[in-house]
Amino acid sequence: MSRTQTKGGTMELERLGGDSTDGQSPTLFLSDRDTYVVQGWRTDSLATIEIPHRLIRHLRPGTCLGALLHDTGHGTFLLTGDPVTDPGALAQMRLPGHESAVEVGIGVERRRDAAPVVR
């Protein structure tokens, strides 16, 4: 079973923000499995989408996408994750034909200038 298919139920999504209010452009969601689901423009790879730099401003404070972002050099990133296949999640997102969605883990933001954690 893929990480994006929920056994016995549909993945629930909370919209965190995006480029439009109608959900028809790159959008960031939080899943009920503590992952990020990211809607973006399709690329040649099923597992990779393209998103605008400004989409990451909608991440929860202190977190980051748990995947590497590859800067395209023209205001967007390429993001690779698990393609979303959950029918309920796909119905909630209402993806247009030129877009796709991937699921990635939630990372913890670490800043080089932050005080070290002492235990």
N, C-alpha and C. Protein backbone atom coordinates (compact mmCIF):
# COMPACT_ATOMS: atom_id res chain seq x y z
N MET A 1 0.85 -1.18 0.00
CA MET A 1 0.00 0.00 0.00
C MET A 1 0.89 1.24 0.00
N SER A 2 0.58 2.17 -0.86
CA SER A 2 1.32 3.43 -0.96
C SER A 2 1.09 4.27 0.29
N ARG A 3 2.05 5.12 0.62
CA ARG A 3 1.91 6.00 1.77
C ARG A 3 0.73 6.95 1.58
N THR A 4 0.31 7.18 0.34
CA THR A 4 -0.78 8.14 0.10
C THR A 4 -2.15 7.47 0.04
N GLN A 5 -2.23 6.18 0.33
CA GLN A 5 -3.52 5.52 0.43
C GLN A 5 -3.72 5.13 1.88
N THR A 6 -4.84 5.54 2.45
CA THR A 6 -5.11 5.29 3.85
C THR A 6 -5.94 4.03 3.99
N LYS A 7 -5.48 3.10 4.80
CA LYS A 7 -6.21 1.86 5.04
C LYS A 7 -7.50 2.18 5.79
N GLY A 8 -8.64 1.83 5.20
CA GLY A 8 -9.91 2.00 5.87
C GLY A 8 -10.45 3.42 5.88
N GLY A 9 -9.91 4.32 5.09
CA GLY A 9 -10.45 5.67 5.08
C GLY A 9 -9.71 6.58 4.12
N THR A 10 -10.25 7.77 4.01
CA THR A 10 -9.69 8.76 3.10
C THR A 10 -8.77 9.70 3.86
N MET A 11 -7.69 10.08 3.22
CA MET A 11 -6.78 11.05 3.81
C MET A 11 -7.51 12.39 3.93
N GLU A 12 -7.44 12.99 5.10
CA GLU A 12 -8.06 14.29 5.33
C GLU A 12 -7.00 15.37 5.16
N LEU A 13 -7.37 16.45 4.49
CA LEU A 13 -6.44 17.54 4.21
C LEU A 13 -6.93 18.85 4.79
N GLU A 14 -6.00 19.63 5.33
CA GLU A 14 -6.28 20.99 5.78
C GLU A 14 -5.49 21.93 4.88
N ARG A 15 -6.20 22.85 4.22
CA ARG A 15 -5.54 23.80 3.32
C ARG A 15 -4.78 24.84 4.15
N LEU A 16 -3.48 24.94 3.92
CA LEU A 16 -2.66 25.91 4.64
C LEU A 16 -2.47 27.20 3.85
N GLY A 17 -2.54 27.12 2.53
CA GLY A 17 -2.40 28.32 1.72
C GLY A 17 -1.94 28.00 0.32
N GLY A 18 -2.09 28.99 -0.54
CA GLY A 18 -1.70 28.81 -1.93
C GLY A 18 -1.74 30.11 -2.69
N ASP A 19 -1.69 29.97 -4.00
CA ASP A 19 -1.64 31.14 -4.88
C ASP A 19 -3.01 31.66 -5.30
N SER A 20 -4.06 30.90 -5.03
CA SER A 20 -5.40 31.37 -5.39
C SER A 20 -6.40 30.84 -4.38
N THR A 21 -7.59 31.38 -4.39
CA THR A 21 -8.61 30.95 -3.45
C THR A 21 -9.45 29.80 -3.98
N ASP A 22 -9.39 29.53 -5.29
CA ASP A 22 -10.22 28.46 -5.84
C ASP A 22 -9.52 27.11 -5.86
N GLY A 23 -8.30 27.03 -5.33
CA GLY A 23 -7.59 25.77 -5.25
C GLY A 23 -7.02 25.28 -6.56
N GLN A 24 -7.03 26.10 -7.58
CA GLN A 24 -6.60 25.67 -8.90
C GLN A 24 -5.18 26.11 -9.24
N SER A 25 -4.36 26.29 -8.25
CA SER A 25 -2.96 26.60 -8.49
C SER A 25 -2.16 26.01 -7.34
N PRO A 26 -0.83 26.06 -7.38
CA PRO A 26 -0.05 25.42 -6.33
C PRO A 26 -0.57 25.76 -4.93
N THR A 27 -0.76 24.71 -4.13
CA THR A 27 -1.37 24.84 -2.81
C THR A 27 -0.67 23.90 -1.85
N LEU A 28 -0.59 24.30 -0.59
CA LEU A 28 0.02 23.48 0.45
C LEU A 28 -1.06 23.01 1.41
N PHE A 29 -1.04 21.70 1.71
CA PHE A 29 -1.99 21.09 2.63
C PHE A 29 -1.25 20.36 3.74
N LEU A 30 -1.90 20.23 4.89
CA LEU A 30 -1.43 19.39 5.98
C LEU A 30 -2.35 18.18 6.01
N SER A 31 -1.78 16.98 6.02
CA SER A 31 -2.62 15.78 6.05
C SER A 31 -2.88 15.34 7.48
N ASP A 32 -3.85 14.47 7.65
CA ASP A 32 -4.16 13.93 8.97
C ASP A 32 -3.13 12.89 9.40
N ARG A 33 -2.12 12.64 8.58
CA ARG A 33 -1.04 11.71 8.92
C ARG A 33 0.25 12.44 9.25
N ASP A 34 0.14 13.74 9.53
CA ASP A 34 1.31 14.56 9.85
C ASP A 34 2.32 14.57 8.72
N THR A 35 1.84 14.80 7.53
CA THR A 35 2.68 15.00 6.35
C THR A 35 2.17 16.24 5.64
N TYR A 36 3.00 16.78 4.76
CA TYR A 36 2.55 17.84 3.87
C TYR A 36 2.15 17.23 2.54
N VAL A 37 1.06 17.70 1.99
CA VAL A 37 0.66 17.36 0.62
C VAL A 37 0.78 18.66 -0.17
N VAL A 38 1.52 18.59 -1.26
CA VAL A 38 1.83 19.79 -2.03
C VAL A 38 1.28 19.62 -3.44
N GLN A 39 0.45 20.56 -3.85
CA GLN A 39 -0.12 20.59 -5.20
C GLN A 39 0.72 21.54 -6.03
N GLY A 40 1.15 21.08 -7.20
CA GLY A 40 1.97 21.92 -8.06
C GLY A 40 1.83 21.54 -9.52
N TRP A 41 2.64 22.16 -10.35
CA TRP A 41 2.59 21.91 -11.79
C TRP A 41 3.28 20.60 -12.13
N ARG A 42 2.68 19.84 -13.02
CA ARG A 42 3.25 18.56 -13.47
C ARG A 42 4.61 18.78 -14.12
N THR A 43 5.45 17.75 -14.02
CA THR A 43 6.73 17.72 -14.72
C THR A 43 6.78 16.40 -15.49
N ASP A 44 7.92 16.09 -16.07
CA ASP A 44 8.07 14.83 -16.80
C ASP A 44 8.08 13.61 -15.89
N SER A 45 8.27 13.82 -14.59
CA SER A 45 8.29 12.72 -13.62
C SER A 45 7.02 12.74 -12.78
N LEU A 46 6.38 11.60 -12.64
CA LEU A 46 5.15 11.49 -11.86
C LEU A 46 5.34 11.91 -10.40
N ALA A 47 6.54 11.68 -9.86
CA ALA A 47 6.82 11.95 -8.45
C ALA A 47 7.38 13.36 -8.21
N THR A 48 7.53 14.16 -9.26
CA THR A 48 8.12 15.50 -9.12
C THR A 48 7.15 16.56 -9.63
N ILE A 49 6.99 17.62 -8.83
CA ILE A 49 6.16 18.76 -9.23
C ILE A 49 7.02 20.02 -9.16
N GLU A 50 6.51 21.08 -9.76
CA GLU A 50 7.17 22.39 -9.70
C GLU A 50 6.26 23.32 -8.91
N ILE A 51 6.86 24.06 -7.97
CA ILE A 51 6.09 24.97 -7.12
C ILE A 51 6.79 26.33 -7.07
N PRO A 52 6.02 27.42 -6.88
CA PRO A 52 6.66 28.73 -6.74
C PRO A 52 7.37 28.85 -5.40
N HIS A 53 8.45 29.62 -5.37
CA HIS A 53 9.17 29.86 -4.11
C HIS A 53 8.22 30.31 -3.01
N ARG A 54 7.31 31.20 -3.33
CA ARG A 54 6.46 31.81 -2.30
C ARG A 54 5.50 30.82 -1.63
N LEU A 55 5.32 29.61 -2.17
CA LEU A 55 4.41 28.65 -1.55
C LEU A 55 4.91 28.20 -0.18
N ILE A 56 6.22 28.17 0.02
CA ILE A 56 6.74 27.66 1.29
C ILE A 56 6.47 28.60 2.47
N ARG A 57 6.01 29.81 2.20
CA ARG A 57 5.67 30.71 3.31
C ARG A 57 4.46 30.21 4.10
N HIS A 58 3.73 29.24 3.54
CA HIS A 58 2.54 28.70 4.20
C HIS A 58 2.84 27.51 5.11
N LEU A 59 4.12 27.10 5.20
CA LEU A 59 4.49 26.00 6.10
C LEU A 59 4.21 26.39 7.54
N ARG A 60 3.91 25.40 8.37
CA ARG A 60 3.72 25.65 9.79
C ARG A 60 5.03 26.18 10.40
N PRO A 61 4.96 27.13 11.33
CA PRO A 61 6.17 27.68 11.94
C PRO A 61 7.05 26.58 12.54
N GLY A 62 8.35 26.69 12.32
CA GLY A 62 9.31 25.74 12.86
C GLY A 62 9.45 24.46 12.06
N THR A 63 8.73 24.38 10.93
CA THR A 63 8.81 23.17 10.10
C THR A 63 9.34 23.52 8.72
N CYS A 64 9.64 22.48 7.98
CA CYS A 64 10.05 22.62 6.59
C CYS A 64 9.56 21.40 5.83
N LEU A 65 9.64 21.45 4.52
CA LEU A 65 9.31 20.27 3.73
C LEU A 65 10.40 19.24 3.98
N GLY A 66 10.01 18.02 4.24
CA GLY A 66 10.96 16.96 4.53
C GLY A 66 11.51 16.33 3.26
N ALA A 67 11.89 17.15 2.31
CA ALA A 67 12.44 16.70 1.03
C ALA A 67 13.32 17.82 0.49
N LEU A 68 14.26 17.46 -0.35
CA LEU A 68 15.12 18.47 -0.97
C LEU A 68 14.35 19.26 -2.01
N LEU A 69 14.58 20.56 -2.01
CA LEU A 69 14.02 21.44 -3.04
C LEU A 69 15.14 21.76 -4.02
N HIS A 70 14.85 21.65 -5.29
CA HIS A 70 15.84 21.96 -6.32
C HIS A 70 15.41 23.25 -7.01
N ASP A 71 16.20 24.31 -6.85
CA ASP A 71 15.88 25.62 -7.41
C ASP A 71 16.05 25.59 -8.92
N THR A 72 15.02 26.03 -9.64
CA THR A 72 15.08 26.04 -11.11
C THR A 72 15.81 27.25 -11.65
N GLY A 73 16.01 28.27 -10.81
CA GLY A 73 16.65 29.49 -11.26
C GLY A 73 15.68 30.50 -11.85
N HIS A 74 14.38 30.19 -11.84
CA HIS A 74 13.40 31.16 -12.34
C HIS A 74 12.18 31.28 -11.42
N GLY A 75 12.44 31.28 -10.10
CA GLY A 75 11.38 31.53 -9.13
C GLY A 75 10.57 30.32 -8.71
N THR A 76 11.02 29.14 -9.08
CA THR A 76 10.32 27.93 -8.68
C THR A 76 11.30 26.88 -8.17
N PHE A 77 10.73 25.92 -7.45
CA PHE A 77 11.48 24.75 -6.99
C PHE A 77 10.89 23.50 -7.63
N LEU A 78 11.73 22.48 -7.81
CA LEU A 78 11.26 21.14 -8.13
C LEU A 78 11.22 20.37 -6.82
N LEU A 79 10.12 19.68 -6.56
CA LEU A 79 9.92 18.93 -5.32
C LEU A 79 9.51 17.51 -5.68
N THR A 80 10.21 16.53 -5.11
CA THR A 80 9.91 15.13 -5.36
C THR A 80 9.37 14.49 -4.08
N GLY A 81 8.29 13.74 -4.22
CA GLY A 81 7.66 13.05 -3.10
C GLY A 81 6.88 11.85 -3.60
N ASP A 82 6.01 11.33 -2.75
CA ASP A 82 5.15 10.22 -3.14
C ASP A 82 3.92 10.78 -3.85
N PRO A 83 3.64 10.34 -5.08
CA PRO A 83 2.45 10.83 -5.77
C PRO A 83 1.18 10.53 -4.96
N VAL A 84 0.29 11.49 -4.86
CA VAL A 84 -0.96 11.29 -4.12
C VAL A 84 -1.91 10.47 -4.98
N THR A 85 -2.39 9.35 -4.43
CA THR A 85 -3.32 8.47 -5.15
C THR A 85 -4.63 8.29 -4.41
N ASP A 86 -4.74 8.82 -3.20
CA ASP A 86 -5.95 8.67 -2.39
C ASP A 86 -7.12 9.37 -3.08
N PRO A 87 -8.19 8.63 -3.46
CA PRO A 87 -9.30 9.24 -4.20
C PRO A 87 -9.97 10.40 -3.47
N GLY A 88 -10.12 10.29 -2.16
CA GLY A 88 -10.75 11.37 -1.40
C GLY A 88 -9.91 12.63 -1.38
N ALA A 89 -8.61 12.47 -1.21
CA ALA A 89 -7.71 13.63 -1.22
C ALA A 89 -7.70 14.28 -2.60
N LEU A 90 -7.66 13.46 -3.64
CA LEU A 90 -7.67 14.01 -5.01
C LEU A 90 -8.97 14.75 -5.29
N ALA A 91 -10.10 14.21 -4.79
CA ALA A 91 -11.39 14.88 -4.99
C ALA A 91 -11.42 16.22 -4.24
N GLN A 92 -10.84 16.25 -3.05
CA GLN A 92 -10.81 17.50 -2.28
C GLN A 92 -9.96 18.56 -2.98
N MET A 93 -8.85 18.15 -3.61
CA MET A 93 -7.97 19.11 -4.26
C MET A 93 -8.50 19.57 -5.62
N ARG A 94 -9.28 18.74 -6.30
CA ARG A 94 -9.81 19.08 -7.63
C ARG A 94 -8.70 19.57 -8.57
N LEU A 95 -7.71 18.72 -8.76
CA LEU A 95 -6.54 19.08 -9.57
C LEU A 95 -6.90 19.31 -11.04
N PRO A 96 -6.49 20.43 -11.61
CA PRO A 96 -6.65 20.61 -13.06
C PRO A 96 -5.64 19.70 -13.78
N GLY A 97 -5.84 19.47 -15.05
CA GLY A 97 -5.02 18.54 -15.81
C GLY A 97 -3.54 18.82 -15.85
N HIS A 98 -3.14 20.07 -15.67
CA HIS A 98 -1.72 20.42 -15.74
C HIS A 98 -1.03 20.39 -14.37
N GLU A 99 -1.75 19.92 -13.34
CA GLU A 99 -1.19 19.87 -11.99
C GLU A 99 -1.23 18.46 -11.43
N SER A 100 -0.41 18.24 -10.41
CA SER A 100 -0.33 16.97 -9.71
C SER A 100 -0.05 17.28 -8.24
N ALA A 101 -0.01 16.25 -7.40
CA ALA A 101 0.27 16.46 -5.97
C ALA A 101 1.17 15.35 -5.46
N VAL A 102 2.05 15.74 -4.53
CA VAL A 102 2.93 14.77 -3.88
C VAL A 102 2.83 14.94 -2.37
N GLU A 103 3.14 13.87 -1.66
CA GLU A 103 3.16 13.88 -0.21
C GLU A 103 4.61 13.79 0.25
N VAL A 104 4.97 14.63 1.20
CA VAL A 104 6.33 14.62 1.76
C VAL A 104 6.24 14.70 3.28
N GLY A 105 7.28 14.26 3.94
CA GLY A 105 7.33 14.35 5.38
C GLY A 105 7.44 15.79 5.85
N ILE A 106 7.20 15.98 7.14
CA ILE A 106 7.37 17.29 7.75
C ILE A 106 8.73 17.30 8.44
N GLY A 107 9.57 18.21 8.02
CA GLY A 107 10.89 18.35 8.63
C GLY A 107 10.87 19.39 9.73
N VAL A 108 11.91 19.38 10.55
CA VAL A 108 12.07 20.36 11.62
C VAL A 108 13.08 21.40 11.15
N GLU A 109 12.68 22.67 11.21
CA GLU A 109 13.57 23.74 10.79
C GLU A 109 14.75 23.84 11.75
N ARG A 110 15.95 23.87 11.19
CA ARG A 110 17.17 24.03 12.01
C ARG A 110 17.95 25.19 11.43
N ARG A 111 18.23 26.16 12.27
CA ARG A 111 18.97 27.34 11.83
C ARG A 111 20.39 27.27 12.35
N ARG A 112 21.33 27.59 11.51
CA ARG A 112 22.75 27.57 11.91
C ARG A 112 23.06 28.60 12.99
N ASP A 113 22.27 29.70 13.05
CA ASP A 113 22.53 30.74 14.03
C ASP A 113 21.77 30.53 15.34
N ALA A 114 21.02 29.43 15.46
CA ALA A 114 20.26 29.16 16.68
C ALA A 114 21.19 28.64 17.78
N ALA A 115 20.81 28.92 19.01
CA ALA A 115 21.59 28.41 20.15
C ALA A 115 21.53 26.89 20.16
N PRO A 116 22.63 26.23 20.50
CA PRO A 116 22.62 24.77 20.55
C PRO A 116 21.69 24.25 21.64
N VAL A 117 21.11 23.10 21.39
CA VAL A 117 20.22 22.48 22.37
C VAL A 117 21.09 21.72 23.37
N VAL A 118 20.88 22.01 24.65
CA VAL A 118 21.63 21.34 25.72
C VAL A 118 20.67 20.42 26.45
N ARG A 119 21.08 19.17 26.60
CA ARG A 119 20.20 18.20 27.28
C ARG A 119 20.79 17.75 28.56
